[in-house]
């Protein structure tokens, strides 16, 4: 059995928004997150305090999965 151990390095306030799905870019410099209200967040990674992100509206309900193309040019939700 493989176990994944995760260490929390930093917590950033998400302004009472529930993040429903998360994807890290292949370069490790951008983090993308879908939210329960249907928006997509694009965050600089590693995370800073206060957090820096852009919020894009694109769905009428929760985003259940976020993934990136192999070239990291496209984000799919």
Protein backbone atom coordinates (compact mmCIF):
# COMPACT_ATOMS: atom_id res chain seq x y z
CA UNK A 1 0.00 0.00 0.00
CA UNK A 2 1.39 3.41 -0.99
CA UNK A 3 0.62 6.25 1.37
CA UNK A 4 1.00 9.87 0.43
CA UNK A 5 2.18 12.14 3.21
CA UNK A 6 1.41 15.82 2.78
CA UNK A 7 2.83 18.65 4.79
CA UNK A 8 0.93 21.94 4.95
CA UNK A 9 3.43 24.70 4.29
CA UNK A 10 1.14 27.73 4.08
CA UNK A 11 -2.53 28.54 4.45
CA UNK A 12 -4.09 31.32 2.38
CA UNK A 13 -7.52 32.74 3.14
CA UNK A 14 -9.94 31.85 0.31
CA UNK A 15 -12.47 34.50 1.40
CA UNK A 16 -15.13 31.97 2.45
CA UNK A 17 -15.00 30.30 -0.98
CA UNK A 18 -14.96 26.50 -1.19
CA UNK A 19 -12.29 25.21 -3.57
CA UNK A 20 -13.65 22.09 -5.26
CA UNK A 21 -10.77 20.98 -7.50
CA UNK A 22 -7.09 21.89 -7.78
CA UNK A 23 -4.45 21.43 -10.51
CA UNK A 24 -0.79 22.50 -10.47
CA UNK A 25 0.88 23.53 -13.74
CA UNK A 26 3.72 21.35 -15.03
CA UNK A 27 6.17 24.19 -14.39
CA UNK A 28 5.03 24.40 -10.77
CA UNK A 29 4.49 28.17 -11.02
CA UNK A 30 0.68 28.36 -11.37
CA UNK A 31 -2.12 26.71 -9.41
CA UNK A 32 -5.63 26.48 -10.84
CA UNK A 33 -8.68 25.85 -8.71
CA UNK A 34 -12.36 25.37 -9.45
CA UNK A 35 -14.80 26.67 -6.86
CA UNK A 36 -18.17 25.59 -5.56
CA UNK A 37 -19.79 28.67 -7.12
CA UNK A 38 -18.50 27.90 -10.64
CA UNK A 39 -15.52 30.22 -10.90
CA UNK A 40 -11.95 29.31 -11.84
CA UNK A 41 -9.10 30.75 -9.81
CA UNK A 42 -5.64 31.21 -11.28
CA UNK A 43 -3.09 31.56 -8.46
CA UNK A 44 0.62 32.27 -8.44
CA UNK A 45 2.51 29.37 -6.89
CA UNK A 46 4.13 29.06 -4.43
CA UNK A 47 1.33 30.76 -2.55
CA UNK A 48 1.94 34.12 -0.91
CA UNK A 49 0.23 35.87 1.96
CA UNK A 50 -1.94 37.61 1.09
CA UNK A 51 -2.83 35.31 -1.80
CA UNK A 52 -2.74 36.63 -5.37
CA UNK A 53 -5.23 35.26 -7.87
CA UNK A 54 -7.52 36.06 -10.77
CA UNK A 55 -11.09 34.83 -10.66
CA UNK A 56 -12.86 33.89 -13.90
CA UNK A 57 -16.60 33.18 -14.16
CA UNK A 58 -17.43 30.36 -16.53
CA UNK A 59 -19.88 27.90 -14.99
CA UNK A 60 -23.28 28.09 -13.40
CA UNK A 61 -22.47 25.52 -10.72
CA UNK A 62 -19.56 23.82 -8.97
CA UNK A 63 -16.46 22.92 -10.99
CA UNK A 64 -15.83 19.25 -10.26
CA UNK A 65 -12.48 18.82 -12.06
CA UNK A 66 -9.66 21.02 -13.35
CA UNK A 67 -6.91 19.71 -15.62
CA UNK A 68 -4.28 21.25 -17.89
CA UNK A 69 -3.12 20.42 -21.40
CA UNK A 70 0.38 18.94 -21.61
CA UNK A 71 1.64 22.28 -22.95
CA UNK A 72 -0.13 24.18 -20.10
CA UNK A 73 -1.69 26.51 -22.65
CA UNK A 74 -5.25 25.30 -21.98
CA UNK A 75 -7.16 24.75 -18.75
CA UNK A 76 -10.09 22.34 -18.94
CA UNK A 77 -12.95 22.31 -16.44
